[in-house]
Amino acid sequence: MSGRITSMVVDEHYRGRGIGSRLIAQAEQWFDAVGCVKLEVTSADSRLNAHRFYERHGFVRDGQRLSKAHHHAREAAARIQLSRTHSE
């Protein structure tokens, strides 16, 4: 079983204080307790500082995730944007 962190961001005003490291440590303990044998994090390609942070904590890149918005999701996003435009 794999454990995945899909979103973890420490406010820039609080970075460098060990908060992210403590969050990773707690997540690793939880993943271990539930029997995960692999841990994964997702991070946008542009977040190079985040990549270095995860690498310092033992994570290595092992592939590239690809995704596609389902056409219903694109239509819903367009409707939301359209309604925001008309309400402003």
PDB file of N, CA and C in Angstrom:
ATOM      1  N   MET A   1       0.855  -1.172   0.000  1.00  0.00           N
ATOM      2  CA  MET A   1       0.000   0.000   0.000  1.00  0.00           C
ATOM      3  C   MET A   1       0.901   1.236   0.000  1.00  0.00           C
ATOM      4  N   SER A   2       0.500   2.241  -0.766  1.00  0.00           N
ATOM      5  CA  SER A   2       1.241   3.498  -0.842  1.00  0.00           C
ATOM      6  C   SER A   2       0.502   4.592  -0.094  1.00  0.00           C
ATOM      7  N   GLY A   3       1.258   5.497   0.485  1.00  0.00           N
ATOM      8  CA  GLY A   3       0.693   6.695   1.096  1.00  0.00           C
ATOM      9  C   GLY A   3       1.082   7.878   0.238  1.00  0.00           C
ATOM     10  N   ARG A   4       0.183   8.820   0.058  1.00  0.00           N
ATOM     11  CA  ARG A   4       0.469   9.960  -0.811  1.00  0.00           C
ATOM     12  C   ARG A   4       0.086  11.266  -0.142  1.00  0.00           C
ATOM     13  N   ILE A   5       1.004  12.199  -0.179  1.00  0.00           N
ATOM     14  CA  ILE A   5       0.734  13.573   0.237  1.00  0.00           C
ATOM     15  C   ILE A   5       0.508  14.357  -1.041  1.00  0.00           C
ATOM     16  N   THR A   6      -0.683  14.892  -1.212  1.00  0.00           N
ATOM     17  CA  THR A   6      -0.994  15.600  -2.449  1.00  0.00           C
ATOM     18  C   THR A   6      -0.900  17.116  -2.309  1.00  0.00           C
ATOM     19  N   SER A   7      -0.887  17.602  -1.097  1.00  0.00           N
ATOM     20  CA  SER A   7      -0.802  19.048  -0.920  1.00  0.00           C
ATOM     21  C   SER A   7      -0.265  19.365   0.471  1.00  0.00           C
ATOM     22  N   MET A   8       0.895  19.985   0.485  1.00  0.00           N
ATOM     23  CA  MET A   8       1.457  20.444   1.749  1.00  0.00           C
ATOM     24  C   MET A   8       2.218  21.732   1.459  1.00  0.00           C
ATOM     25  N   VAL A   9       1.755  22.809   2.040  1.00  0.00           N
ATOM     26  CA  VAL A   9       2.397  24.103   1.839  1.00  0.00           C
ATOM     27  C   VAL A   9       2.508  24.796   3.185  1.00  0.00           C
ATOM     28  N   VAL A  10       3.711  25.242   3.514  1.00  0.00           N
ATOM     29  CA  VAL A  10       3.918  26.045   4.712  1.00  0.00           C
ATOM     30  C   VAL A  10       3.989  27.494   4.255  1.00  0.00           C
ATOM     31  N   ASP A  11       3.210  28.353   4.893  1.00  0.00           N
ATOM     32  CA  ASP A  11       3.207  29.774   4.552  1.00  0.00           C
ATOM     33  C   ASP A  11       4.646  30.291   4.528  1.00  0.00           C
ATOM     34  N   GLU A  12       4.942  31.102   3.522  1.00  0.00           N
ATOM     35  CA  GLU A  12       6.320  31.564   3.333  1.00  0.00           C
ATOM     36  C   GLU A  12       6.868  32.308   4.545  1.00  0.00           C
ATOM     37  N   HIS A  13       6.018  32.933   5.337  1.00  0.00           N
ATOM     38  CA  HIS A  13       6.478  33.640   6.533  1.00  0.00           C
ATOM     39  C   HIS A  13       6.944  32.692   7.636  1.00  0.00           C
ATOM     40  N   TYR A  14       6.580  31.410   7.531  1.00  0.00           N
ATOM     41  CA  TYR A  14       6.917  30.437   8.569  1.00  0.00           C
ATOM     42  C   TYR A  14       7.911  29.382   8.096  1.00  0.00           C
ATOM     43  N   ARG A  15       8.398  29.502   6.870  1.00  0.00           N
ATOM     44  CA  ARG A  15       9.348  28.532   6.345  1.00  0.00           C
ATOM     45  C   ARG A  15      10.694  28.675   7.046  1.00  0.00           C
ATOM     46  N   GLY A  16      11.437  27.573   7.069  1.00  0.00           N
ATOM     47  CA  GLY A  16      12.756  27.587   7.695  1.00  0.00           C
ATOM     48  C   GLY A  16      12.714  27.404   9.201  1.00  0.00           C
ATOM     49  N   ARG A  17      11.558  27.062   9.741  1.00  0.00           N
ATOM     50  CA  ARG A  17      11.408  26.880  11.192  1.00  0.00           C
ATOM     51  C   ARG A  17      11.185  25.420  11.574  1.00  0.00           C
ATOM     52  N   GLY A  18      11.285  24.516  10.576  1.00  0.00           N
ATOM     53  CA  GLY A  18      11.116  23.097  10.866  1.00  0.00           C
ATOM     54  C   GLY A  18       9.685  22.598  10.823  1.00  0.00           C
ATOM     55  N   ILE A  19       8.755  23.455  10.454  1.00  0.00           N
ATOM     56  CA  ILE A  19       7.340  23.060  10.426  1.00  0.00           C
ATOM     57  C   ILE A  19       7.107  21.977   9.382  1.00  0.00           C
ATOM     58  N   GLY A  20       7.616  22.171   8.172  1.00  0.00           N
ATOM     59  CA  GLY A  20       7.456  21.179   7.112  1.00  0.00           C
ATOM     60  C   GLY A  20       8.096  19.855   7.492  1.00  0.00           C
ATOM     61  N   SER A  21       9.265  19.917   8.099  1.00  0.00           N
ATOM     62  CA  SER A  21       9.946  18.685   8.523  1.00  0.00           C
ATOM     63  C   SER A  21       9.134  17.934   9.568  1.00  0.00           C
ATOM     64  N   ARG A  22       8.525  18.665  10.490  1.00  0.00           N
ATOM     65  CA  ARG A  22       7.685  18.010  11.501  1.00  0.00           C
ATOM     66  C   ARG A  22       6.438  17.417  10.872  1.00  0.00           C
ATOM     67  N   LEU A  23       5.857  18.120   9.882  1.00  0.00           N
ATOM     68  CA  LEU A  23       4.682  17.575   9.195  1.00  0.00           C
ATOM     69  C   LEU A  23       5.037  16.287   8.451  1.00  0.00           C
ATOM     70  N   ILE A  24       6.177  16.281   7.763  1.00  0.00           N
ATOM     71  CA  ILE A  24       6.618  15.076   7.047  1.00  0.00           C
ATOM     72  C   ILE A  24       6.853  13.940   8.036  1.00  0.00           C
ATOM     73  N   ALA A  25       7.500  14.237   9.157  1.00  0.00           N
ATOM     74  CA  ALA A  25       7.769  13.202  10.159  1.00  0.00           C
ATOM     75  C   ALA A  25       6.475  12.604  10.695  1.00  0.00           C
ATOM     76  N   GLN A  26       5.488  13.439  10.973  1.00  0.00           N
ATOM     77  CA  GLN A  26       4.201  12.939  11.465  1.00  0.00           C
ATOM     78  C   GLN A  26       3.493  12.107  10.402  1.00  0.00           C
ATOM     79  N   ALA A  27       3.552  12.572   9.155  1.00  0.00           N
ATOM     80  CA  ALA A  27       2.931  11.813   8.065  1.00  0.00           C
ATOM     81  C   ALA A  27       3.606  10.451   7.922  1.00  0.00           C
ATOM     82  N   GLU A  28       4.931  10.416   7.997  1.00  0.00           N
ATOM     83  CA  GLU A  28       5.652   9.150   7.880  1.00  0.00           C
ATOM     84  C   GLU A  28       5.273   8.193   9.008  1.00  0.00           C
ATOM     85  N   GLN A  29       5.131   8.718  10.211  1.00  0.00           N
ATOM     86  CA  GLN A  29       4.709   7.864  11.333  1.00  0.00           C
ATOM     87  C   GLN A  29       3.324   7.294  11.082  1.00  0.00           C
ATOM     88  N   TRP A  30       2.412   8.114  10.600  1.00  0.00           N
ATOM     89  CA  TRP A  30       1.052   7.645  10.333  1.00  0.00           C
ATOM     90  C   TRP A  30       1.051   6.611   9.222  1.00  0.00           C
ATOM     91  N   PHE A  31       1.770   6.896   8.122  1.00  0.00           N
ATOM     92  CA  PHE A  31       1.839   5.938   7.017  1.00  0.00           C
ATOM     93  C   PHE A  31       2.410   4.602   7.493  1.00  0.00           C
ATOM     94  N   ASP A  32       3.422   4.657   8.338  1.00  0.00           N
ATOM     95  CA  ASP A  32       4.024   3.435   8.879  1.00  0.00           C
ATOM     96  C   ASP A  32       2.997   2.665   9.718  1.00  0.00           C
ATOM     97  N   ALA A  33       2.238   3.382  10.532  1.00  0.00           N
ATOM     98  CA  ALA A  33       1.261   2.745  11.418  1.00  0.00           C
ATOM     99  C   ALA A  33       0.151   2.039  10.644  1.00  0.00           C
ATOM    100  N   VAL A  34      -0.182   2.549   9.456  1.00  0.00           N
ATOM    101  CA  VAL A  34      -1.251   1.927   8.675  1.00  0.00           C
ATOM    102  C   VAL A  34      -0.718   0.951   7.627  1.00  0.00           C
ATOM    103  N   GLY A  35       0.595   0.721   7.629  1.00  0.00           N
ATOM    104  CA  GLY A  35       1.168  -0.312   6.776  1.00  0.00           C
ATOM    105  C   GLY A  35       1.607   0.095   5.383  1.00  0.00           C
ATOM    106  N   CYS A  36       1.824   1.370   5.152  1.00  0.00           N
ATOM    107  CA  CYS A  36       2.286   1.796   3.824  1.00  0.00           C
ATOM    108  C   CYS A  36       3.746   1.376   3.623  1.00  0.00           C
ATOM    109  N   VAL A  37       4.038   0.879   2.446  1.00  0.00           N
ATOM    110  CA  VAL A  37       5.402   0.459   2.130  1.00  0.00           C
ATOM    111  C   VAL A  37       6.085   1.439   1.179  1.00  0.00           C
ATOM    112  N   LYS A  38       5.323   2.393   0.664  1.00  0.00           N
ATOM    113  CA  LYS A  38       5.870   3.411  -0.222  1.00  0.00           C
ATOM    114  C   LYS A  38       5.173   4.727   0.077  1.00  0.00           C
ATOM    115  N   LEU A  39       5.952   5.792   0.132  1.00  0.00           N
ATOM    116  CA  LEU A  39       5.396   7.124   0.359  1.00  0.00           C
ATOM    117  C   LEU A  39       5.616   7.953  -0.890  1.00  0.00           C
ATOM    118  N   GLU A  40       4.631   8.751  -1.258  1.00  0.00           N
ATOM    119  CA  GLU A  40       4.717   9.599  -2.442  1.00  0.00           C
ATOM    120  C   GLU A  40       4.272  11.008  -2.092  1.00  0.00           C
ATOM    121  N   VAL A  41       4.866  11.970  -2.762  1.00  0.00           N
ATOM    122  CA  VAL A  41       4.384  13.347  -2.687  1.00  0.00           C
ATOM    123  C   VAL A  41       4.163  13.828  -4.114  1.00  0.00           C
ATOM    124  N   THR A  42       3.216  14.709  -4.291  1.00  0.00           N
ATOM    125  CA  THR A  42       3.012  15.327  -5.596  1.00  0.00           C
ATOM    126  C   THR A  42       3.367  16.797  -5.461  1.00  0.00           C
ATOM    127  N   SER A  43       4.011  17.323  -6.485  1.00  0.00           N
ATOM    128  CA  SER A  43       4.440  18.708  -6.466  1.00  0.00           C
ATOM    129  C   SER A  43       4.559  19.200  -7.897  1.00  0.00           C
ATOM    130  N   ALA A  44       4.090  20.398  -8.150  1.00  0.00           N
ATOM    131  CA  ALA A  44       4.164  20.969  -9.493  1.00  0.00           C
ATOM    132  C   ALA A  44       5.615  21.084  -9.936  1.00  0.00           C
ATOM    133  N   ASP A  45       5.852  20.903 -11.220  1.00  0.00           N
ATOM    134  CA  ASP A  45       7.209  20.990 -11.761  1.00  0.00           C
ATOM    135  C   ASP A  45       7.887  22.312 -11.416  1.00  0.00           C
ATOM    136  N   SER A  46       7.118  23.366 -11.281  1.00  0.00           N
ATOM    137  CA  SER A  46       7.681  24.694 -11.033  1.00  0.00           C
ATOM    138  C   SER A  46       8.118  24.913  -9.585  1.00  0.00           C
ATOM    139  N   ARG A  47       7.785  24.000  -8.684  1.00  0.00           N
ATOM    140  CA  ARG A  47       8.074  24.192  -7.251  1.00  0.00           C
ATOM    141  C   ARG A  47       9.423  23.591  -6.876  1.00  0.00           C
ATOM    142  N   LEU A  48      10.488  24.176  -7.418  1.00  0.00           N
ATOM    143  CA  LEU A  48      11.829  23.622  -7.231  1.00  0.00           C
ATOM    144  C   LEU A  48      12.264  23.610  -5.765  1.00  0.00           C
ATOM    145  N   ASN A  49      11.898  24.632  -5.004  1.00  0.00           N
ATOM    146  CA  ASN A  49      12.250  24.640  -3.579  1.00  0.00           C
ATOM    147  C   ASN A  49      11.566  23.485  -2.848  1.00  0.00           C
ATOM    148  N   ALA A  50      10.325  23.198  -3.219  1.00  0.00           N
ATOM    149  CA  ALA A  50       9.606  22.077  -2.606  1.00  0.00           C
ATOM    150  C   ALA A  50      10.288  20.764  -2.964  1.00  0.00           C
ATOM    151  N   HIS A  51      10.735  20.642  -4.213  1.00  0.00           N
ATOM    152  CA  HIS A  51      11.425  19.417  -4.637  1.00  0.00           C
ATOM    153  C   HIS A  51      12.693  19.215  -3.813  1.00  0.00           C
ATOM    154  N   ARG A  52      13.459  20.279  -3.606  1.00  0.00           N
ATOM    155  CA  ARG A  52      14.682  20.167  -2.788  1.00  0.00           C
ATOM    156  C   ARG A  52      14.338  19.780  -1.349  1.00  0.00           C
ATOM    157  N   PHE A  53      13.259  20.348  -0.820  1.00  0.00           N
ATOM    158  CA  PHE A  53      12.812  20.001   0.531  1.00  0.00           C
ATOM    159  C   PHE A  53      12.520  18.505   0.627  1.00  0.00           C
ATOM    160  N   TYR A  54      11.733  17.984  -0.317  1.00  0.00           N
ATOM    161  CA  TYR A  54      11.380  16.566  -0.283  1.00  0.00           C
ATOM    162  C   TYR A  54      12.616  15.690  -0.480  1.00  0.00           C
ATOM    163  N   GLU A  55      13.534  16.112  -1.347  1.00  0.00           N
ATOM    164  CA  GLU A  55      14.760  15.337  -1.552  1.00  0.00           C
ATOM    165  C   GLU A  55      15.583  15.287  -0.271  1.00  0.00           C
ATOM    166  N   ARG A  56      15.635  16.383   0.477  1.00  0.00           N
ATOM    167  CA  ARG A  56      16.356  16.381   1.765  1.00  0.00           C
ATOM    168  C   ARG A  56      15.738  15.392   2.746  1.00  0.00           C
ATOM    169  N   HIS A  57      14.473  15.053   2.526  1.00  0.00           N
ATOM    170  CA  HIS A  57      13.784  14.113   3.402  1.00  0.00           C
ATOM    171  C   HIS A  57      13.721  12.712   2.805  1.00  0.00           C
ATOM    172  N   GLY A  58      14.561  12.449   1.803  1.00  0.00           N
ATOM    173  CA  GLY A  58      14.711  11.098   1.278  1.00  0.00           C
ATOM    174  C   GLY A  58      13.838  10.736   0.096  1.00  0.00           C
ATOM    175  N   PHE A  59      13.036  11.657  -0.405  1.00  0.00           N
ATOM    176  CA  PHE A  59      12.185  11.364  -1.565  1.00  0.00           C
ATOM    177  C   PHE A  59      13.003  11.518  -2.839  1.00  0.00           C
ATOM    178  N   VAL A  60      12.735  10.668  -3.821  1.00  0.00           N
ATOM    179  CA  VAL A  60      13.380  10.757  -5.128  1.00  0.00           C
ATOM    180  C   VAL A  60      12.312  10.717  -6.211  1.00  0.00           C
ATOM    181  N   ARG A  61      12.602  11.381  -7.311  1.00  0.00           N
ATOM    182  CA  ARG A  61      11.657  11.375  -8.430  1.00  0.00           C
ATOM    183  C   ARG A  61      11.641   9.980  -9.044  1.00  0.00           C
ATOM    184  N   ASP A  62      10.446   9.424  -9.218  1.00  0.00           N
ATOM    185  CA  ASP A  62      10.363   8.087  -9.823  1.00  0.00           C
ATOM    186  C   ASP A  62       9.278   8.034 -10.894  1.00  0.00           C
ATOM    187  N   GLY A  63       9.176   9.090 -11.655  1.00  0.00           N
ATOM    188  CA  GLY A  63       8.197   9.105 -12.741  1.00  0.00           C
ATOM    189  C   GLY A  63       7.520  10.443 -12.850  1.00  0.00           C
ATOM    190  N   GLN A  64       6.574  10.505 -13.705  1.00  0.00           N
ATOM    191  CA  GLN A  64       5.820  11.728 -13.939  1.00  0.00           C
ATOM    192  C   GLN A  64       4.351  11.371 -14.017  1.00  0.00           C
ATOM    193  N   ARG A  65       3.537  12.009 -13.207  1.00  0.00           N
ATOM    194  CA  ARG A  65       2.092  11.778 -13.281  1.00  0.00           C
ATOM    195  C   ARG A  65       1.519  12.596 -14.418  1.00  0.00           C
ATOM    196  N   LEU A  66       0.604  12.029 -15.126  1.00  0.00           N
ATOM    197  CA  LEU A  66      -0.125  12.734 -16.177  1.00  0.00           C
ATOM    198  C   LEU A  66      -1.594  12.758 -15.793  1.00  0.00           C
ATOM    199  N   SER A  67      -2.262  13.853 -16.093  1.00  0.00           N
ATOM    200  CA  SER A  67      -3.676  13.919 -15.770  1.00  0.00           C
ATOM    201  C   SER A  67      -4.414  14.658 -16.874  1.00  0.00           C
ATOM    202  N   LYS A  68      -5.713  14.504 -16.870  1.00  0.00           N
ATOM    203  CA  LYS A  68      -6.560  15.134 -17.875  1.00  0.00           C
ATOM    204  C   LYS A  68      -7.868  15.493 -17.198  1.00  0.00           C
ATOM    205  N   ALA A  69      -8.304  16.712 -17.398  1.00  0.00           N
ATOM    206  CA  ALA A  69      -9.597  17.115 -16.857  1.00  0.00           C
ATOM    207  C   ALA A  69     -10.681  16.460 -17.700  1.00  0.00           C
ATOM    208  N   HIS A  70     -11.606  15.842 -17.048  1.00  0.00           N
ATOM    209  CA  HIS A  70     -12.732  15.244 -17.751  1.00  0.00           C
ATOM    210  C   HIS A  70     -13.551  16.367 -18.373  1.00  0.00           C
ATOM    211  N   HIS A  71     -14.145  16.133 -19.529  1.00  0.00           N
ATOM    212  CA  HIS A  71     -14.848  17.202 -20.227  1.00  0.00           C
ATOM    213  C   HIS A  71     -15.940  17.842 -19.376  1.00  0.00           C
ATOM    214  N   HIS A  72     -16.573  17.088 -18.480  1.00  0.00           N
ATOM    215  CA  HIS A  72     -17.595  17.676 -17.606  1.00  0.00           C
ATOM    216  C   HIS A  72     -16.949  18.654 -16.634  1.00  0.00           C
ATOM    217  N   ALA A  73     -15.750  18.336 -16.171  1.00  0.00           N
ATOM    218  CA  ALA A  73     -15.052  19.233 -15.255  1.00  0.00           C
ATOM    219  C   ALA A  73     -14.679  20.532 -15.959  1.00  0.00           C
ATOM    220  N   ARG A  74     -14.225  20.444 -17.217  1.00  0.00           N
ATOM    221  CA  ARG A  74     -13.891  21.658 -17.971  1.00  0.00           C
ATOM    222  C   ARG A  74     -15.135  22.515 -18.178  1.00  0.00           C
ATOM    223  N   GLU A  75     -16.260  21.875 -18.493  1.00  0.00           N
ATOM    224  CA  GLU A  75     -17.507  22.620 -18.704  1.00  0.00           C
ATOM    225  C   GLU A  75     -17.950  23.302 -17.409  1.00  0.00           C
ATOM    226  N   ALA A  76     -17.826  22.600 -16.290  1.00  0.00           N
ATOM    227  CA  ALA A  76     -18.220  23.185 -15.005  1.00  0.00           C
ATOM    228  C   ALA A  76     -17.321  24.370 -14.667  1.00  0.00           C
ATOM    229  N   ALA A  77     -16.016  24.240 -14.906  1.00  0.00           N
ATOM    230  CA  ALA A  77     -15.091  25.345 -14.640  1.00  0.00           C
ATOM    231  C   ALA A  77     -15.425  26.548 -15.511  1.00  0.00           C
ATOM    232  N   ALA A  78     -15.772  26.302 -16.770  1.00  0.00           N
ATOM    233  CA  ALA A  78     -16.141  27.393 -17.671  1.00  0.00           C
ATOM    234  C   ALA A  78     -17.410  28.084 -17.179  1.00  0.00           C
ATOM    235  N   ARG A  79     -18.396  27.310 -16.700  1.00  0.00           N
ATOM    236  CA  ARG A  79     -19.637  27.903 -16.183  1.00  0.00           C
ATOM    237  C   ARG A  79     -19.351  28.753 -14.949  1.00  0.00           C
ATOM    238  N   ILE A  80     -18.475  28.275 -14.073  1.00  0.00           N
ATOM    239  CA  ILE A  80     -18.135  29.042 -12.865  1.00  0.00           C
ATOM    240  C   ILE A  80     -17.465  30.348 -13.265  1.00  0.00           C
ATOM    241  N   GLN A  81     -16.507  30.275 -14.189  1.00  0.00           N
ATOM    242  CA  GLN A  81     -15.814  31.480 -14.637  1.00  0.00           C
ATOM    243  C   GLN A  81     -16.801  32.441 -15.273  1.00  0.00           C
ATOM    244  N   LEU A  82     -17.710  31.929 -16.096  1.00  0.00           N
ATOM    245  CA  LEU A  82     -18.699  32.766 -16.744  1.00  0.00           C
ATOM    246  C   LEU A  82     -19.606  33.446 -15.715  1.00  0.00           C
ATOM    247  N   SER A  83     -20.031  32.692 -14.687  1.00  0.00           N
ATOM    248  CA  SER A  83     -20.911  33.289 -13.677  1.00  0.00           C
ATOM    249  C   SER A  83     -20.168  34.334 -12.867  1.00  0.00           C
ATOM    250  N   ARG A  84     -18.873  34.143 -12.609  1.00  0.00           N
ATOM    251  CA  ARG A  84     -18.091  35.157 -11.894  1.00  0.00           C
ATOM    252  C   ARG A  84     -17.976  36.427 -12.724  1.00  0.00           C
ATOM    253  N   THR A  85     -17.764  36.260 -14.027  1.00  0.00           N
ATOM    254  CA  THR A  85     -17.628  37.404 -14.919  1.00  0.00           C
ATOM    255  C   THR A  85     -18.908  38.231 -14.927  1.00  0.00           C
ATOM    256  N   HIS A  86     -20.047  37.545 -14.963  1.00  0.00           N
ATOM    257  CA  HIS A  86     -21.323  38.256 -15.016  1.00  0.00           C
ATOM    258  C   HIS A  86     -21.724  38.860 -13.683  1.00  0.00           C
ATOM    259  N   SER A  87     -21.202  38.353 -12.574  1.00  0.00           N
ATOM    260  CA  SER A  87     -21.591  38.875 -11.263  1.00  0.00           C
ATOM    261  C   SER A  87     -20.718  40.050 -10.826  1.00  0.00           C
ATOM    262  N   GLU A  88     -19.631  40.289 -11.516  1.00  0.00           N
ATOM    263  CA  GLU A  88     -18.720  41.386 -11.113  1.00  0.00           C
ATOM    264  C   GLU A  88     -19.108  42.697 -11.683  1.00  0.00           C
TER     265      GLU A  88
END
